[in-house]
Amino acid sequence: MQDIHFRRHYVRHLPKEVSQNDIIKALASPLINDGMVVSDFADHVITREQNFPTGLPVEPVGVAIPHTDHRYVRQNAISVGILAEPVNFEDMGGEPDPVPVRVVFMLALGESNKQLNVLGWIMDVIQDEDFMQQLLVMNDDEIYQSIYTRISERGEV
């Protein structure tokens, strides 16, 4: 089973006034540059997000988990985006109101069992309200170290 790649430059603070597509492209860019995913990975994630939204209306911080089919993934990886202001994503559960998202976990996973493991890990993380609040004020290095520690505790990296 392949480990998950999570590197410092996979963490990005994104400025105000970005669109959902801008976010996906920004988080996909380092994965594409490192050869973790195919060159048009972002386009596939955008298409999937339109058809199968990933916004999660959790408190205190809305989360999105954009991803796409495993065939566009060369190596398992996660990138993380912290948004300067909320950006609306459609609700994963089909609720009519959009989800104001501040934290985005982009998944590039080539194995279905790995996807279940990572989704379980993300669900644990987003239920930690203190940690989610801290993510909003941490710098990129602190976010990287905190998330890397949590992933490695599960034996995923």
N, C-alpha and C. Protein backbone atom coordinates (compact mmCIF):
# COMPACT_ATOMS: atom_id res chain seq x y z
N MET A 1 0.85 -1.19 0.00
CA MET A 1 0.00 0.00 0.00
C MET A 1 0.89 1.25 0.00
N GLN A 2 0.54 2.16 -0.86
CA GLN A 2 1.33 3.37 -1.04
C GLN A 2 1.03 4.39 0.06
N ASP A 3 2.08 5.01 0.59
CA ASP A 3 1.90 6.06 1.58
C ASP A 3 1.32 7.32 0.93
N ILE A 4 0.94 8.25 1.77
CA ILE A 4 0.39 9.52 1.30
C ILE A 4 1.49 10.57 1.37
N HIS A 5 1.69 11.27 0.27
CA HIS A 5 2.67 12.35 0.23
C HIS A 5 2.00 13.63 0.74
N PHE A 6 2.67 14.25 1.70
CA PHE A 6 2.21 15.53 2.22
C PHE A 6 3.46 16.35 2.49
N ARG A 7 3.65 17.38 1.71
CA ARG A 7 4.86 18.20 1.79
C ARG A 7 4.49 19.63 2.17
N ARG A 8 5.48 20.33 2.66
CA ARG A 8 5.28 21.70 3.13
C ARG A 8 4.63 22.58 2.05
N HIS A 9 5.08 22.44 0.81
CA HIS A 9 4.52 23.31 -0.24
C HIS A 9 3.14 22.85 -0.73
N TYR A 10 2.57 21.85 -0.08
CA TYR A 10 1.19 21.44 -0.36
C TYR A 10 0.21 22.19 0.55
N VAL A 11 0.72 23.10 1.36
CA VAL A 11 -0.12 23.93 2.24
C VAL A 11 -0.13 25.34 1.67
N ARG A 12 -1.32 25.89 1.49
CA ARG A 12 -1.43 27.22 0.90
C ARG A 12 -2.47 28.06 1.63
N HIS A 13 -2.08 29.28 1.95
CA HIS A 13 -3.06 30.29 2.37
C HIS A 13 -3.51 30.98 1.09
N LEU A 14 -4.80 31.07 0.89
CA LEU A 14 -5.31 31.67 -0.34
C LEU A 14 -5.94 33.02 -0.04
N PRO A 15 -5.75 33.99 -0.93
CA PRO A 15 -6.20 35.37 -0.67
C PRO A 15 -7.71 35.52 -0.75
N LYS A 16 -8.16 36.71 -0.42
CA LYS A 16 -9.57 37.04 -0.56
C LYS A 16 -9.95 37.02 -2.04
N GLU A 17 -11.24 36.90 -2.26
CA GLU A 17 -11.80 36.99 -3.61
C GLU A 17 -11.26 35.93 -4.56
N VAL A 18 -11.18 34.70 -4.07
CA VAL A 18 -10.86 33.58 -4.96
C VAL A 18 -12.13 32.78 -5.19
N SER A 19 -12.21 32.17 -6.35
CA SER A 19 -13.36 31.33 -6.66
C SER A 19 -13.06 29.88 -6.27
N GLN A 20 -14.09 29.08 -6.29
CA GLN A 20 -13.93 27.66 -6.02
C GLN A 20 -12.93 27.05 -7.02
N ASN A 21 -13.04 27.42 -8.30
CA ASN A 21 -12.11 26.90 -9.30
C ASN A 21 -10.69 27.36 -9.05
N ASP A 22 -10.52 28.63 -8.62
CA ASP A 22 -9.18 29.14 -8.28
C ASP A 22 -8.56 28.31 -7.17
N ILE A 23 -9.36 27.97 -6.17
CA ILE A 23 -8.88 27.18 -5.03
C ILE A 23 -8.41 25.82 -5.51
N ILE A 24 -9.23 25.16 -6.29
CA ILE A 24 -8.89 23.82 -6.79
C ILE A 24 -7.61 23.87 -7.62
N LYS A 25 -7.50 24.86 -8.50
CA LYS A 25 -6.30 24.97 -9.34
C LYS A 25 -5.06 25.25 -8.49
N ALA A 26 -5.19 26.13 -7.48
CA ALA A 26 -4.04 26.45 -6.62
C ALA A 26 -3.58 25.24 -5.82
N LEU A 27 -4.52 24.44 -5.32
CA LEU A 27 -4.14 23.28 -4.52
C LEU A 27 -3.66 22.12 -5.39
N ALA A 28 -4.12 22.06 -6.63
CA ALA A 28 -3.67 21.01 -7.55
C ALA A 28 -2.29 21.31 -8.12
N SER A 29 -1.95 22.57 -8.25
CA SER A 29 -0.71 22.98 -8.91
C SER A 29 0.55 22.30 -8.37
N PRO A 30 0.80 22.30 -7.05
CA PRO A 30 2.02 21.64 -6.58
C PRO A 30 1.97 20.12 -6.78
N LEU A 31 0.78 19.54 -6.75
CA LEU A 31 0.66 18.10 -6.99
C LEU A 31 1.00 17.77 -8.44
N ILE A 32 0.56 18.62 -9.35
CA ILE A 32 0.88 18.45 -10.77
C ILE A 32 2.38 18.64 -10.98
N ASN A 33 2.93 19.71 -10.41
CA ASN A 33 4.36 20.01 -10.58
C ASN A 33 5.25 18.90 -10.04
N ASP A 34 4.81 18.23 -8.98
CA ASP A 34 5.60 17.14 -8.39
C ASP A 34 5.32 15.79 -9.03
N GLY A 35 4.45 15.75 -10.04
CA GLY A 35 4.14 14.50 -10.72
C GLY A 35 3.26 13.54 -9.93
N MET A 36 2.60 14.05 -8.90
CA MET A 36 1.71 13.20 -8.09
C MET A 36 0.43 12.85 -8.86
N VAL A 37 0.02 13.75 -9.76
CA VAL A 37 -1.23 13.60 -10.49
C VAL A 37 -1.00 13.97 -11.96
N VAL A 38 -1.98 13.67 -12.81
CA VAL A 38 -1.88 14.01 -14.22
C VAL A 38 -2.00 15.52 -14.41
N SER A 39 -1.57 15.99 -15.57
CA SER A 39 -1.50 17.44 -15.81
C SER A 39 -2.87 18.13 -15.81
N ASP A 40 -3.93 17.40 -16.13
CA ASP A 40 -5.26 18.01 -16.13
C ASP A 40 -6.09 17.61 -14.90
N PHE A 41 -5.39 17.25 -13.83
CA PHE A 41 -6.04 16.83 -12.59
C PHE A 41 -7.05 17.87 -12.10
N ALA A 42 -6.66 19.14 -12.10
CA ALA A 42 -7.55 20.19 -11.59
C ALA A 42 -8.86 20.22 -12.36
N ASP A 43 -8.80 20.05 -13.67
CA ASP A 43 -10.02 20.05 -14.48
C ASP A 43 -10.95 18.91 -14.07
N HIS A 44 -10.38 17.75 -13.79
CA HIS A 44 -11.18 16.59 -13.38
C HIS A 44 -11.79 16.82 -11.99
N VAL A 45 -11.03 17.46 -11.11
CA VAL A 45 -11.56 17.77 -9.78
C VAL A 45 -12.71 18.77 -9.89
N ILE A 46 -12.54 19.79 -10.72
CA ILE A 46 -13.59 20.80 -10.91
C ILE A 46 -14.87 20.15 -11.44
N THR A 47 -14.73 19.28 -12.43
CA THR A 47 -15.90 18.60 -13.00
C THR A 47 -16.58 17.73 -11.95
N ARG A 48 -15.79 17.01 -11.17
CA ARG A 48 -16.39 16.15 -10.15
C ARG A 48 -17.09 16.98 -9.08
N GLU A 49 -16.48 18.09 -8.71
CA GLU A 49 -17.07 18.96 -7.68
C GLU A 49 -18.43 19.50 -8.15
N GLN A 50 -18.56 19.77 -9.44
CA GLN A 50 -19.84 20.26 -9.98
C GLN A 50 -20.92 19.18 -9.89
N ASN A 51 -20.53 17.93 -10.10
CA ASN A 51 -21.49 16.82 -10.10
C ASN A 51 -21.69 16.18 -8.73
N PHE A 52 -20.63 16.17 -7.94
CA PHE A 52 -20.67 15.53 -6.61
C PHE A 52 -19.99 16.47 -5.61
N PRO A 53 -20.73 17.46 -5.11
CA PRO A 53 -20.14 18.47 -4.23
C PRO A 53 -19.56 17.87 -2.95
N THR A 54 -18.60 18.61 -2.37
CA THR A 54 -17.90 18.09 -1.19
C THR A 54 -17.91 19.04 0.00
N GLY A 55 -18.77 20.04 -0.01
CA GLY A 55 -18.84 20.96 1.12
C GLY A 55 -19.46 20.29 2.34
N LEU A 56 -18.82 20.48 3.49
CA LEU A 56 -19.31 19.92 4.75
C LEU A 56 -19.61 21.06 5.72
N PRO A 57 -20.88 21.23 6.10
CA PRO A 57 -21.26 22.33 6.99
C PRO A 57 -20.97 22.00 8.45
N VAL A 58 -19.71 21.96 8.80
CA VAL A 58 -19.33 21.64 10.18
C VAL A 58 -18.99 22.94 10.91
N GLU A 59 -19.13 22.90 12.22
CA GLU A 59 -18.79 24.06 13.05
C GLU A 59 -17.46 23.78 13.73
N PRO A 60 -16.64 24.75 13.91
CA PRO A 60 -16.85 26.16 13.67
C PRO A 60 -16.43 26.61 12.27
N VAL A 61 -15.87 25.70 11.47
CA VAL A 61 -15.29 26.08 10.18
C VAL A 61 -15.81 25.14 9.10
N GLY A 62 -16.43 25.71 8.05
CA GLY A 62 -16.86 24.90 6.92
C GLY A 62 -15.66 24.32 6.20
N VAL A 63 -15.83 23.08 5.72
CA VAL A 63 -14.74 22.33 5.09
C VAL A 63 -15.21 21.81 3.74
N ALA A 64 -14.30 21.72 2.78
CA ALA A 64 -14.56 21.03 1.51
C ALA A 64 -13.44 20.03 1.30
N ILE A 65 -13.79 18.93 0.63
CA ILE A 65 -12.83 17.84 0.39
C ILE A 65 -12.86 17.47 -1.10
N PRO A 66 -12.46 18.39 -1.98
CA PRO A 66 -12.50 18.08 -3.40
C PRO A 66 -11.51 16.97 -3.77
N HIS A 67 -11.94 16.12 -4.70
CA HIS A 67 -11.11 15.02 -5.18
C HIS A 67 -11.71 14.53 -6.49
N THR A 68 -11.07 13.55 -7.11
CA THR A 68 -11.59 12.98 -8.34
C THR A 68 -11.21 11.51 -8.42
N ASP A 69 -11.51 10.91 -9.53
CA ASP A 69 -11.29 9.49 -9.75
C ASP A 69 -9.81 9.12 -9.63
N HIS A 70 -9.56 7.94 -9.12
CA HIS A 70 -8.19 7.47 -8.87
C HIS A 70 -7.35 7.37 -10.14
N ARG A 71 -7.96 7.25 -11.30
CA ARG A 71 -7.16 7.08 -12.53
C ARG A 71 -6.36 8.33 -12.89
N TYR A 72 -6.66 9.46 -12.25
CA TYR A 72 -5.92 10.70 -12.51
C TYR A 72 -4.80 10.92 -11.49
N VAL A 73 -4.58 9.92 -10.65
CA VAL A 73 -3.59 10.01 -9.57
C VAL A 73 -2.44 9.06 -9.84
N ARG A 74 -1.23 9.58 -9.75
CA ARG A 74 -0.03 8.74 -9.90
C ARG A 74 0.48 8.29 -8.54
N GLN A 75 0.44 9.20 -7.56
CA GLN A 75 0.87 8.89 -6.20
C GLN A 75 -0.08 9.58 -5.23
N ASN A 76 -0.38 8.91 -4.14
CA ASN A 76 -1.30 9.46 -3.14
C ASN A 76 -0.73 10.74 -2.53
N ALA A 77 -1.58 11.76 -2.42
CA ALA A 77 -1.14 13.03 -1.84
C ALA A 77 -2.34 13.80 -1.31
N ILE A 78 -2.05 14.73 -0.41
CA ILE A 78 -3.06 15.65 0.13
C ILE A 78 -2.47 17.05 0.06
N SER A 79 -3.31 18.01 -0.36
CA SER A 79 -2.93 19.41 -0.23
C SER A 79 -4.01 20.12 0.58
N VAL A 80 -3.61 21.20 1.24
CA VAL A 80 -4.50 21.88 2.18
C VAL A 80 -4.52 23.37 1.85
N GLY A 81 -5.72 23.93 1.82
CA GLY A 81 -5.88 25.36 1.60
C GLY A 81 -6.62 26.00 2.75
N ILE A 82 -6.10 27.14 3.20
CA ILE A 82 -6.76 27.95 4.23
C ILE A 82 -7.19 29.23 3.52
N LEU A 83 -8.48 29.51 3.57
CA LEU A 83 -9.03 30.63 2.81
C LEU A 83 -9.14 31.88 3.69
N ALA A 84 -8.75 33.02 3.13
CA ALA A 84 -8.79 34.28 3.86
C ALA A 84 -10.22 34.67 4.23
N GLU A 85 -11.15 34.28 3.40
CA GLU A 85 -12.57 34.52 3.68
C GLU A 85 -13.36 33.34 3.13
N PRO A 86 -14.55 33.10 3.66
CA PRO A 86 -15.32 31.93 3.21
C PRO A 86 -15.65 31.98 1.71
N VAL A 87 -15.58 30.81 1.09
CA VAL A 87 -16.00 30.62 -0.30
C VAL A 87 -17.07 29.54 -0.28
N ASN A 88 -18.16 29.79 -0.97
CA ASN A 88 -19.26 28.83 -0.97
C ASN A 88 -18.96 27.60 -1.82
N PHE A 89 -19.18 26.44 -1.22
CA PHE A 89 -19.16 25.15 -1.91
C PHE A 89 -20.55 24.56 -1.74
N GLU A 90 -20.98 23.79 -2.70
CA GLU A 90 -22.26 23.10 -2.55
C GLU A 90 -22.14 22.04 -1.48
N ASP A 91 -23.24 21.79 -0.79
CA ASP A 91 -23.30 20.84 0.32
C ASP A 91 -23.19 19.40 -0.17
N MET A 92 -22.30 18.63 0.45
CA MET A 92 -22.10 17.23 0.10
C MET A 92 -23.40 16.43 0.27
N GLY A 93 -24.19 16.80 1.25
CA GLY A 93 -25.42 16.07 1.54
C GLY A 93 -26.61 16.49 0.70
N GLY A 94 -26.41 17.43 -0.22
CA GLY A 94 -27.49 17.85 -1.10
C GLY A 94 -28.41 18.92 -0.54
N GLU A 95 -28.05 19.48 0.61
CA GLU A 95 -28.86 20.56 1.18
C GLU A 95 -28.83 21.76 0.23
N PRO A 96 -29.91 22.54 0.17
CA PRO A 96 -29.98 23.64 -0.79
C PRO A 96 -29.04 24.81 -0.49
N ASP A 97 -28.73 25.03 0.78
CA ASP A 97 -27.87 26.16 1.12
C ASP A 97 -26.40 25.80 0.91
N PRO A 98 -25.64 26.71 0.27
CA PRO A 98 -24.21 26.44 0.11
C PRO A 98 -23.48 26.48 1.45
N VAL A 99 -22.31 25.88 1.48
CA VAL A 99 -21.49 25.81 2.69
C VAL A 99 -20.38 26.86 2.58
N PRO A 100 -20.31 27.82 3.53
CA PRO A 100 -19.19 28.77 3.53
C PRO A 100 -17.93 28.08 4.07
N VAL A 101 -16.99 27.83 3.17
CA VAL A 101 -15.81 27.02 3.47
C VAL A 101 -14.60 27.91 3.74
N ARG A 102 -13.82 27.55 4.77
CA ARG A 102 -12.55 28.22 5.06
C ARG A 102 -11.36 27.28 4.99
N VAL A 103 -11.61 25.96 5.08
CA VAL A 103 -10.52 24.97 5.04
C VAL A 103 -10.85 23.95 3.95
N VAL A 104 -9.86 23.71 3.08
CA VAL A 104 -10.03 22.76 1.98
C VAL A 104 -8.94 21.70 2.06
N PHE A 105 -9.37 20.44 2.08
CA PHE A 105 -8.45 19.30 2.00
C PHE A 105 -8.63 18.70 0.61
N MET A 106 -7.65 18.89 -0.29
CA MET A 106 -7.74 18.27 -1.61
C MET A 106 -7.07 16.90 -1.55
N LEU A 107 -7.80 15.90 -2.00
CA LEU A 107 -7.30 14.53 -1.96
C LEU A 107 -6.92 14.06 -3.35
N ALA A 108 -5.76 13.45 -3.44
CA ALA A 108 -5.32 12.76 -4.66
C ALA A 108 -4.98 11.35 -4.22
N LEU A 109 -5.95 10.46 -4.34
CA LEU A 109 -5.78 9.11 -3.80
C LEU A 109 -6.06 8.08 -4.88
N GLY A 110 -5.10 7.19 -5.08
CA GLY A 110 -5.21 6.19 -6.12
C GLY A 110 -5.75 4.86 -5.66
N GLU A 111 -6.05 4.73 -4.39
CA GLU A 111 -6.51 3.45 -3.85
C GLU A 111 -7.77 3.70 -3.02
N SER A 112 -8.82 2.90 -3.28
CA SER A 112 -10.09 3.13 -2.59
C SER A 112 -9.97 2.91 -1.09
N ASN A 113 -9.18 1.93 -0.67
CA ASN A 113 -9.02 1.70 0.77
C ASN A 113 -8.30 2.88 1.42
N LYS A 114 -7.38 3.49 0.70
CA LYS A 114 -6.68 4.67 1.21
C LYS A 114 -7.67 5.82 1.35
N GLN A 115 -8.60 5.93 0.40
CA GLN A 115 -9.59 7.00 0.46
C GLN A 115 -10.44 6.88 1.72
N LEU A 116 -10.85 5.68 2.05
CA LEU A 116 -11.65 5.49 3.26
C LEU A 116 -10.86 5.84 4.51
N ASN A 117 -9.58 5.44 4.55
CA ASN A 117 -8.73 5.77 5.69
C ASN A 117 -8.59 7.28 5.85
N VAL A 118 -8.33 7.96 4.74
CA VAL A 118 -8.11 9.41 4.79
C VAL A 118 -9.41 10.14 5.13
N LEU A 119 -10.52 9.70 4.57
CA LEU A 119 -11.79 10.34 4.91
C LEU A 119 -12.10 10.17 6.40
N GLY A 120 -11.78 9.01 6.95
CA GLY A 120 -11.95 8.80 8.39
C GLY A 120 -11.07 9.74 9.19
N TRP A 121 -9.83 9.91 8.74
CA TRP A 121 -8.90 10.83 9.40
C TRP A 121 -9.44 12.26 9.33
N ILE A 122 -9.91 12.67 8.15
CA ILE A 122 -10.43 14.03 8.00
C ILE A 122 -11.65 14.24 8.90
N MET A 123 -12.52 13.26 8.98
CA MET A 123 -13.69 13.39 9.85
C MET A 123 -13.26 13.57 11.31
N ASP A 124 -12.22 12.85 11.72
CA ASP A 124 -11.70 13.03 13.08
C ASP A 124 -11.18 14.45 13.27
N VAL A 125 -10.42 14.94 12.29
CA VAL A 125 -9.82 16.27 12.38
C VAL A 125 -10.88 17.35 12.43
N ILE A 126 -11.87 17.28 11.54
CA ILE A 126 -12.83 18.38 11.48
C ILE A 126 -13.78 18.40 12.68
N GLN A 127 -13.83 17.30 13.42
CA GLN A 127 -14.63 17.30 14.64
C GLN A 127 -13.88 17.89 15.83
N ASP A 128 -12.58 18.13 15.64
CA ASP A 128 -11.76 18.77 16.67
C ASP A 128 -11.88 20.29 16.49
N GLU A 129 -12.88 20.88 17.14
CA GLU A 129 -13.19 22.29 16.93
C GLU A 129 -12.02 23.20 17.25
N ASP A 130 -11.28 22.91 18.31
CA ASP A 130 -10.13 23.75 18.67
C ASP A 130 -9.08 23.72 17.56
N PHE A 131 -8.78 22.53 17.06
CA PHE A 131 -7.78 22.40 16.00
C PHE A 131 -8.22 23.15 14.75
N MET A 132 -9.48 23.03 14.39
CA MET A 132 -9.97 23.70 13.18
C MET A 132 -9.87 25.22 13.33
N GLN A 133 -10.16 25.74 14.51
CA GLN A 133 -10.01 27.18 14.75
C GLN A 133 -8.54 27.59 14.66
N GLN A 134 -7.66 26.75 15.20
CA GLN A 134 -6.23 27.05 15.17
C GLN A 134 -5.69 27.09 13.75
N LEU A 135 -6.21 26.21 12.87
CA LEU A 135 -5.75 26.20 11.48
C LEU A 135 -5.88 27.57 10.83
N LEU A 136 -6.92 28.30 11.21
CA LEU A 136 -7.18 29.60 10.59
C LEU A 136 -6.15 30.66 10.96
N VAL A 137 -5.45 30.47 12.07
CA VAL A 137 -4.48 31.48 12.51
C VAL A 137 -3.03 30.99 12.44
N MET A 138 -2.83 29.73 12.14
CA MET A 138 -1.46 29.20 12.01
C MET A 138 -0.84 29.68 10.70
N ASN A 139 0.50 29.74 10.68
CA ASN A 139 1.18 29.98 9.42
C ASN A 139 1.35 28.64 8.68
N ASP A 140 1.83 28.70 7.46
CA ASP A 140 1.92 27.48 6.64
C ASP A 140 2.81 26.41 7.28
N ASP A 141 3.91 26.82 7.89
CA ASP A 141 4.80 25.84 8.53
C ASP A 141 4.10 25.14 9.69
N GLU A 142 3.38 25.91 10.50
CA GLU A 142 2.66 25.32 11.63
C GLU A 142 1.56 24.37 11.16
N ILE A 143 0.86 24.77 10.11
CA ILE A 143 -0.19 23.90 9.56
C ILE A 143 0.43 22.60 9.06
N TYR A 144 1.52 22.73 8.31
CA TYR A 144 2.19 21.55 7.79
C TYR A 144 2.58 20.60 8.93
N GLN A 145 3.25 21.13 9.94
CA GLN A 145 3.71 20.29 11.05
C GLN A 145 2.54 19.63 11.78
N SER A 146 1.49 20.39 12.02
CA SER A 146 0.33 19.86 12.75
C SER A 146 -0.36 18.75 11.97
N ILE A 147 -0.57 18.98 10.69
CA ILE A 147 -1.26 17.97 9.88
C ILE A 147 -0.35 16.77 9.63
N TYR A 148 0.93 17.03 9.37
CA TYR A 148 1.87 15.92 9.16
C TYR A 148 1.90 15.01 10.39
N THR A 149 1.93 15.61 11.56
CA THR A 149 1.94 14.83 12.81
C THR A 149 0.68 13.98 12.91
N ARG A 150 -0.47 14.57 12.61
CA ARG A 150 -1.73 13.82 12.70
C ARG A 150 -1.78 12.68 11.68
N ILE A 151 -1.30 12.93 10.47
CA ILE A 151 -1.30 11.87 9.45
C ILE A 151 -0.33 10.76 9.85
N SER A 152 0.85 11.15 10.31
CA SER A 152 1.86 10.13 10.65
C SER A 152 1.45 9.30 11.86
N GLU A 153 0.68 9.89 12.77
CA GLU A 153 0.18 9.12 13.92
C GLU A 153 -0.72 7.97 13.46
N ARG A 154 -1.34 8.14 12.31
CA ARG A 154 -2.20 7.09 11.75
C ARG A 154 -1.41 6.15 10.84
N GLY A 155 -0.11 6.42 10.67
CA GLY A 155 0.72 5.55 9.84
C GLY A 155 0.50 5.71 8.35
N GLU A 156 0.05 6.88 7.93
CA GLU A 156 -0.29 7.10 6.52
C GLU A 156 0.85 7.70 5.70
N VAL A 157 1.85 8.33 6.36
CA VAL A 157 2.95 8.94 5.60
C VAL A 157 4.24 8.17 5.81
